[in-house]
Amino acid sequence: MKKIILIIVAVIIVLYAFKQLVYKPYTWRKAINNPEHKLQLGSFVFCKQRGANGSQSMQNYYFIFKVIEINGDYVRLSVIRQLSDKDKLQQSDFSTTKDAFKDLKDTIKHITITPILPEDLYKEGASFTLNDYLLDKYPSLKKSRFYYEDVKLDANATEYFSLVYSKEEILKRGKLVPWILNNSDKHELAERLSEDIDLILN
């Protein structure tokens, strides 16, 4: 009986390893060559991350990004969010809900998403809140409160490596592996901070 259990466990381990090391990379590379899922400027990147929720337990966090720059191996992402109404905070962080994450996979290509300069989000004394200034400067917000920060930074700037990921790692493994600055001011890939991509959509 113990021998049978060991055989079953071994088979499960082998099948899991095959799925993770062979099947998933194959299906990812096949999908990434499809125009609908190809990585390009303007692509939407859906990512589900596992993290602490502040009460010594773990939960899933759901993020939707837009590709706003591709420069060699550097892929810059910007989080897609919704502006809050006055005195009614829409989101407390950059993640979205599980239901919205699922729904936006089907609808995001039909939603108006406005690029907003980061400094404009703090005008009129209220951050990330829809106000007259934003409506006047970005009329498309009248159609939808969805936006992303239109970040433009020189590659030599210290803050450049914020939400910048490796293009090669995205294409080969379907992972967001961030470029970071180490203590010697040299940039390096932080594999320990990598996250799996759920979907790329154009």
C-alpha atoms as a PDB file:
ATOM      1  CA  MET A   1       0.000   0.000   0.000  1.00  0.00           C
ATOM      2  CA  LYS A   2       2.778   2.419   0.930  1.00  0.00           C
ATOM      3  CA  LYS A   3       4.553   1.600  -2.330  1.00  0.00           C
ATOM      4  CA  ILE A   4       1.417   2.453  -4.321  1.00  0.00           C
ATOM      5  CA  ILE A   5       1.031   5.764  -2.489  1.00  0.00           C
ATOM      6  CA  LEU A   6       4.678   6.630  -3.171  1.00  0.00           C
ATOM      7  CA  ILE A   7       4.220   5.826  -6.863  1.00  0.00           C
ATOM      8  CA  ILE A   8       1.102   8.004  -7.052  1.00  0.00           C
ATOM      9  CA  VAL A   9       2.892  10.892  -5.307  1.00  0.00           C
ATOM     10  CA  ALA A  10       5.869  10.525  -7.658  1.00  0.00           C
ATOM     11  CA  VAL A  11       3.591  10.583 -10.719  1.00  0.00           C
ATOM     12  CA  ILE A  12       1.827  13.698  -9.449  1.00  0.00           C
ATOM     13  CA  ILE A  13       5.189  15.417  -8.900  1.00  0.00           C
ATOM     14  CA  VAL A  14       6.375  14.483 -12.397  1.00  0.00           C
ATOM     15  CA  LEU A  15       3.134  15.687 -14.009  1.00  0.00           C
ATOM     16  CA  TYR A  16       3.283  18.965 -12.077  1.00  0.00           C
ATOM     17  CA  ALA A  17       6.916  19.503 -13.076  1.00  0.00           C
ATOM     18  CA  PHE A  18       6.061  18.751 -16.712  1.00  0.00           C
ATOM     19  CA  LYS A  19       3.227  21.259 -16.618  1.00  0.00           C
ATOM     20  CA  GLN A  20       5.353  24.003 -15.044  1.00  0.00           C
ATOM     21  CA  LEU A  21       8.571  23.450 -16.971  1.00  0.00           C
ATOM     22  CA  VAL A  22       7.365  22.276 -20.384  1.00  0.00           C
ATOM     23  CA  TYR A  23       3.650  22.724 -21.057  1.00  0.00           C
ATOM     24  CA  LYS A  24       3.120  26.220 -19.590  1.00  0.00           C
ATOM     25  CA  PRO A  25       6.180  27.767 -21.306  1.00  0.00           C
ATOM     26  CA  TYR A  26       5.104  26.166 -24.617  1.00  0.00           C
ATOM     27  CA  THR A  27       1.537  27.464 -24.445  1.00  0.00           C
ATOM     28  CA  TRP A  28       2.807  30.905 -23.375  1.00  0.00           C
ATOM     29  CA  ARG A  29       5.217  31.187 -26.305  1.00  0.00           C
ATOM     30  CA  LYS A  30       2.431  30.078 -28.639  1.00  0.00           C
ATOM     31  CA  ALA A  31       0.024  32.696 -27.242  1.00  0.00           C
ATOM     32  CA  ILE A  32       2.562  35.545 -27.285  1.00  0.00           C
ATOM     33  CA  ASN A  33       2.934  35.111 -31.071  1.00  0.00           C
ATOM     34  CA  ASN A  34      -0.798  35.679 -31.558  1.00  0.00           C
ATOM     35  CA  PRO A  35      -1.487  39.337 -32.565  1.00  0.00           C
ATOM     36  CA  GLU A  36      -4.242  39.538 -29.934  1.00  0.00           C
ATOM     37  CA  HIS A  37      -1.803  38.612 -27.153  1.00  0.00           C
ATOM     38  CA  LYS A  38       1.494  39.926 -28.540  1.00  0.00           C
ATOM     39  CA  LEU A  39       3.526  42.258 -26.322  1.00  0.00           C
ATOM     40  CA  GLN A  40       3.542  45.723 -27.855  1.00  0.00           C
ATOM     41  CA  LEU A  41       3.144  49.380 -27.010  1.00  0.00           C
ATOM     42  CA  GLY A  42      -0.397  49.860 -25.692  1.00  0.00           C
ATOM     43  CA  SER A  43      -0.887  46.235 -24.619  1.00  0.00           C
ATOM     44  CA  PHE A  44      -2.953  45.509 -21.512  1.00  0.00           C
ATOM     45  CA  VAL A  45      -1.199  43.235 -19.011  1.00  0.00           C
ATOM     46  CA  PHE A  46      -3.302  41.367 -16.429  1.00  0.00           C
ATOM     47  CA  CYS A  47      -1.434  40.139 -13.378  1.00  0.00           C
ATOM     48  CA  LYS A  48      -2.601  38.343 -10.234  1.00  0.00           C
ATOM     49  CA  GLN A  49      -0.225  38.623  -7.283  1.00  0.00           C
ATOM     50  CA  ARG A  50      -0.142  36.867  -3.929  1.00  0.00           C
ATOM     51  CA  GLY A  51       0.654  39.040  -0.930  1.00  0.00           C
ATOM     52  CA  ALA A  52       0.033  39.804   2.726  1.00  0.00           C
ATOM     53  CA  ASN A  53      -3.176  41.620   3.619  1.00  0.00           C
ATOM     54  CA  GLY A  54      -1.935  43.232   6.832  1.00  0.00           C
ATOM     55  CA  SER A  55      -3.471  40.657   9.173  1.00  0.00           C
ATOM     56  CA  GLN A  56      -0.777  37.957   8.984  1.00  0.00           C
ATOM     57  CA  SER A  57      -2.571  36.137   6.180  1.00  0.00           C
ATOM     58  CA  MET A  58      -2.224  36.042   2.402  1.00  0.00           C
ATOM     59  CA  GLN A  59      -4.632  37.099  -0.321  1.00  0.00           C
ATOM     60  CA  ASN A  60      -4.716  37.689  -4.070  1.00  0.00           C
ATOM     61  CA  TYR A  61      -4.237  41.158  -5.521  1.00  0.00           C
ATOM     62  CA  TYR A  62      -5.378  41.916  -9.054  1.00  0.00           C
ATOM     63  CA  PHE A  63      -3.585  44.434 -11.281  1.00  0.00           C
ATOM     64  CA  ILE A  64      -4.170  45.678 -14.815  1.00  0.00           C
ATOM     65  CA  PHE A  65      -1.347  47.530 -16.543  1.00  0.00           C
ATOM     66  CA  LYS A  66      -0.856  49.314 -19.831  1.00  0.00           C
ATOM     67  CA  VAL A  67       2.451  49.105 -21.703  1.00  0.00           C
ATOM     68  CA  ILE A  68       3.572  52.718 -22.145  1.00  0.00           C
ATOM     69  CA  GLU A  69       7.193  52.214 -23.225  1.00  0.00           C
ATOM     70  CA  ILE A  70       9.393  49.531 -24.746  1.00  0.00           C
ATOM     71  CA  ASN A  71      13.083  50.413 -24.843  1.00  0.00           C
ATOM     72  CA  GLY A  72      15.387  47.486 -25.514  1.00  0.00           C
ATOM     73  CA  ASP A  73      14.763  45.036 -22.669  1.00  0.00           C
ATOM     74  CA  TYR A  74      12.957  47.699 -20.623  1.00  0.00           C
ATOM     75  CA  VAL A  75       9.162  47.461 -20.637  1.00  0.00           C
ATOM     76  CA  ARG A  76       7.478  50.246 -18.658  1.00  0.00           C
ATOM     77  CA  LEU A  77       3.993  49.605 -17.305  1.00  0.00           C
ATOM     78  CA  SER A  78       1.404  51.966 -15.866  1.00  0.00           C
ATOM     79  CA  VAL A  79      -1.446  50.825 -13.622  1.00  0.00           C
ATOM     80  CA  ILE A  80      -4.980  51.264 -14.915  1.00  0.00           C
ATOM     81  CA  ARG A  81      -7.289  52.685 -12.241  1.00  0.00           C
ATOM     82  CA  GLN A  82     -10.479  54.677 -11.851  1.00  0.00           C
ATOM     83  CA  LEU A  83     -10.610  58.242 -10.574  1.00  0.00           C
ATOM     84  CA  SER A  84     -12.656  58.619  -7.425  1.00  0.00           C
ATOM     85  CA  ASP A  85     -15.695  60.836  -7.087  1.00  0.00           C
ATOM     86  CA  LYS A  86     -15.368  63.649  -4.564  1.00  0.00           C
ATOM     87  CA  ASP A  87     -15.419  62.312  -0.969  1.00  0.00           C
ATOM     88  CA  LYS A  88     -15.786  58.758  -2.248  1.00  0.00           C
ATOM     89  CA  LEU A  89     -12.489  56.888  -2.632  1.00  0.00           C
ATOM     90  CA  GLN A  90     -12.680  54.407  -5.498  1.00  0.00           C
ATOM     91  CA  GLN A  91      -9.599  52.362  -4.630  1.00  0.00           C
ATOM     92  CA  SER A  92      -7.278  52.469  -1.657  1.00  0.00           C
ATOM     93  CA  ASP A  93      -4.356  51.075  -3.662  1.00  0.00           C
ATOM     94  CA  PHE A  94      -3.485  50.241  -7.247  1.00  0.00           C
ATOM     95  CA  SER A  95      -5.166  46.825  -7.285  1.00  0.00           C
ATOM     96  CA  THR A  96      -8.688  46.064  -8.429  1.00  0.00           C
ATOM     97  CA  THR A  97     -11.286  43.522  -7.337  1.00  0.00           C
ATOM     98  CA  LYS A  98     -11.476  39.927  -8.510  1.00  0.00           C
ATOM     99  CA  ASP A  99     -14.812  40.524 -10.249  1.00  0.00           C
ATOM    100  CA  ALA A 100     -13.625  43.710 -11.984  1.00  0.00           C
ATOM    101  CA  PHE A 101     -10.434  41.932 -13.047  1.00  0.00           C
ATOM    102  CA  LYS A 102     -12.452  39.164 -14.678  1.00  0.00           C
ATOM    103  CA  ASP A 103     -14.961  41.544 -16.278  1.00  0.00           C
ATOM    104  CA  LEU A 104     -12.301  43.852 -17.722  1.00  0.00           C
ATOM    105  CA  LYS A 105     -10.699  40.975 -19.616  1.00  0.00           C
ATOM    106  CA  ASP A 106     -13.823  41.040 -21.809  1.00  0.00           C
ATOM    107  CA  THR A 107     -14.545  44.773 -21.861  1.00  0.00           C
ATOM    108  CA  ILE A 108     -11.304  46.727 -21.537  1.00  0.00           C
ATOM    109  CA  LYS A 109     -10.817  47.130 -25.305  1.00  0.00           C
ATOM    110  CA  HIS A 110     -14.147  48.960 -25.466  1.00  0.00           C
ATOM    111  CA  ILE A 111     -13.555  51.313 -22.523  1.00  0.00           C
ATOM    112  CA  THR A 112     -12.140  54.824 -22.826  1.00  0.00           C
ATOM    113  CA  ILE A 113      -8.925  54.940 -20.790  1.00  0.00           C
ATOM    114  CA  THR A 114      -7.344  58.370 -20.473  1.00  0.00           C
ATOM    115  CA  PRO A 115      -3.584  58.984 -20.173  1.00  0.00           C
ATOM    116  CA  ILE A 116      -3.056  61.596 -17.445  1.00  0.00           C
ATOM    117  CA  LEU A 117       0.173  63.345 -16.484  1.00  0.00           C
ATOM    118  CA  PRO A 118       1.107  62.344 -12.893  1.00  0.00           C
ATOM    119  CA  GLU A 119       1.304  65.950 -11.686  1.00  0.00           C
ATOM    120  CA  ASP A 120      -2.265  66.620 -12.841  1.00  0.00           C
ATOM    121  CA  LEU A 121      -3.629  64.016 -10.430  1.00  0.00           C
ATOM    122  CA  TYR A 122      -2.825  66.323  -7.515  1.00  0.00           C
ATOM    123  CA  LYS A 123      -4.386  69.510  -8.883  1.00  0.00           C
ATOM    124  CA  GLU A 124      -7.073  71.331  -6.883  1.00  0.00           C
ATOM    125  CA  GLY A 125      -5.898  69.721  -3.656  1.00  0.00           C
ATOM    126  CA  ALA A 126      -7.370  66.250  -4.114  1.00  0.00           C
ATOM    127  CA  SER A 127      -5.299  63.306  -5.315  1.00  0.00           C
ATOM    128  CA  PHE A 128      -6.752  60.766  -7.716  1.00  0.00           C
ATOM    129  CA  THR A 129     -10.177  62.452  -7.585  1.00  0.00           C
ATOM    130  CA  LEU A 130     -12.258  63.585 -10.539  1.00  0.00           C
ATOM    131  CA  ASN A 131     -12.511  67.377 -10.506  1.00  0.00           C
ATOM    132  CA  ASP A 132     -13.205  70.309 -12.805  1.00  0.00           C
ATOM    133  CA  TYR A 133      -9.543  70.776 -13.672  1.00  0.00           C
ATOM    134  CA  LEU A 134      -9.196  67.198 -14.929  1.00  0.00           C
ATOM    135  CA  LEU A 135     -12.507  67.320 -16.795  1.00  0.00           C
ATOM    136  CA  ASP A 136     -11.468  70.507 -18.577  1.00  0.00           C
ATOM    137  CA  LYS A 137      -8.009  69.221 -19.518  1.00  0.00           C
ATOM    138  CA  TYR A 138      -9.077  65.643 -20.298  1.00  0.00           C
ATOM    139  CA  PRO A 139     -12.623  65.714 -21.769  1.00  0.00           C
ATOM    140  CA  SER A 140     -12.509  61.936 -22.383  1.00  0.00           C
ATOM    141  CA  LEU A 141     -12.983  61.482 -18.614  1.00  0.00           C
ATOM    142  CA  LYS A 142     -16.622  62.385 -19.171  1.00  0.00           C
ATOM    143  CA  LYS A 143     -17.001  59.018 -20.929  1.00  0.00           C
ATOM    144  CA  SER A 144     -15.087  56.964 -18.388  1.00  0.00           C
ATOM    145  CA  ARG A 145     -13.138  57.530 -15.151  1.00  0.00           C
ATOM    146  CA  PHE A 146     -10.563  54.920 -16.106  1.00  0.00           C
ATOM    147  CA  TYR A 147      -7.044  56.298 -16.533  1.00  0.00           C
ATOM    148  CA  TYR A 148      -3.362  55.502 -16.400  1.00  0.00           C
ATOM    149  CA  GLU A 149      -0.446  57.721 -15.483  1.00  0.00           C
ATOM    150  CA  ASP A 150       1.345  58.897 -18.622  1.00  0.00           C
ATOM    151  CA  VAL A 151       4.869  58.690 -17.205  1.00  0.00           C
ATOM    152  CA  LYS A 152       7.737  60.019 -19.286  1.00  0.00           C
ATOM    153  CA  LEU A 153      11.211  59.639 -17.739  1.00  0.00           C
ATOM    154  CA  ASP A 154      14.743  59.752 -19.031  1.00  0.00           C
ATOM    155  CA  ALA A 155      16.454  56.354 -18.764  1.00  0.00           C
ATOM    156  CA  ASN A 156      19.203  57.965 -16.699  1.00  0.00           C
ATOM    157  CA  ALA A 157      16.808  59.235 -14.029  1.00  0.00           C
ATOM    158  CA  THR A 158      16.982  57.507 -10.642  1.00  0.00           C
ATOM    159  CA  GLU A 159      13.205  57.018 -10.558  1.00  0.00           C
ATOM    160  CA  TYR A 160      13.222  55.449 -14.033  1.00  0.00           C
ATOM    161  CA  PHE A 161      13.173  51.888 -12.684  1.00  0.00           C
ATOM    162  CA  SER A 162       9.655  52.068 -11.300  1.00  0.00           C
ATOM    163  CA  LEU A 163       7.356  49.520 -12.943  1.00  0.00           C
ATOM    164  CA  VAL A 164      10.038  48.625 -15.499  1.00  0.00           C
ATOM    165  CA  TYR A 165      10.265  44.927 -16.391  1.00  0.00           C
ATOM    166  CA  SER A 166      12.326  42.644 -18.601  1.00  0.00           C
ATOM    167  CA  LYS A 167      10.951  42.164 -22.104  1.00  0.00           C
ATOM    168  CA  GLU A 168      12.893  38.905 -22.498  1.00  0.00           C
ATOM    169  CA  GLU A 169      11.386  37.424 -19.334  1.00  0.00           C
ATOM    170  CA  ILE A 170       7.887  38.405 -20.456  1.00  0.00           C
ATOM    171  CA  LEU A 171       8.321  36.807 -23.869  1.00  0.00           C
ATOM    172  CA  LYS A 172      10.073  33.639 -22.728  1.00  0.00           C
ATOM    173  CA  ARG A 173       8.420  32.850 -19.410  1.00  0.00           C
ATOM    174  CA  GLY A 174       5.320  35.024 -19.073  1.00  0.00           C
ATOM    175  CA  LYS A 175       6.717  36.663 -15.951  1.00  0.00           C
ATOM    176  CA  LEU A 176       7.057  40.242 -14.780  1.00  0.00           C
ATOM    177  CA  VAL A 177      10.653  40.396 -13.591  1.00  0.00           C
ATOM    178  CA  PRO A 178      11.477  43.963 -12.515  1.00  0.00           C
ATOM    179  CA  TRP A 179      14.602  45.914 -13.262  1.00  0.00           C
ATOM    180  CA  ILE A 180      15.827  47.598 -10.073  1.00  0.00           C
ATOM    181  CA  LEU A 181      18.774  49.698  -8.927  1.00  0.00           C
ATOM    182  CA  ASN A 182      21.124  47.992  -6.485  1.00  0.00           C
ATOM    183  CA  ASN A 183      23.221  49.730  -3.853  1.00  0.00           C
ATOM    184  CA  SER A 184      25.935  50.585  -6.361  1.00  0.00           C
ATOM    185  CA  ASP A 185      23.452  52.409  -8.622  1.00  0.00           C
ATOM    186  CA  LYS A 186      23.656  49.659 -11.230  1.00  0.00           C
ATOM    187  CA  HIS A 187      20.467  48.152 -12.575  1.00  0.00           C
ATOM    188  CA  GLU A 188      19.792  44.437 -12.234  1.00  0.00           C
ATOM    189  CA  LEU A 189      16.942  41.974 -12.616  1.00  0.00           C
ATOM    190  CA  ALA A 190      15.183  41.056  -9.375  1.00  0.00           C
ATOM    191  CA  GLU A 191      14.040  37.480  -9.960  1.00  0.00           C
ATOM    192  CA  ARG A 192      12.888  37.227  -6.330  1.00  0.00           C
ATOM    193  CA  LEU A 193      10.221  39.861  -7.068  1.00  0.00           C
ATOM    194  CA  SER A 194       8.882  38.215 -10.218  1.00  0.00           C
ATOM    195  CA  GLU A 195       5.159  37.682 -10.758  1.00  0.00           C
ATOM    196  CA  ASP A 196       3.276  35.522 -13.252  1.00  0.00           C
ATOM    197  CA  ILE A 197       1.335  37.255 -16.031  1.00  0.00           C
ATOM    198  CA  ASP A 198      -2.247  36.092 -16.338  1.00  0.00           C
ATOM    199  CA  LEU A 199      -2.996  37.600 -19.754  1.00  0.00           C
ATOM    200  CA  ILE A 200      -1.716  40.070 -22.357  1.00  0.00           C
ATOM    201  CA  LEU A 201      -4.418  41.629 -24.477  1.00  0.00           C
ATOM    202  CA  ASN A 202      -4.427  44.010 -27.437  1.00  0.00           C
END
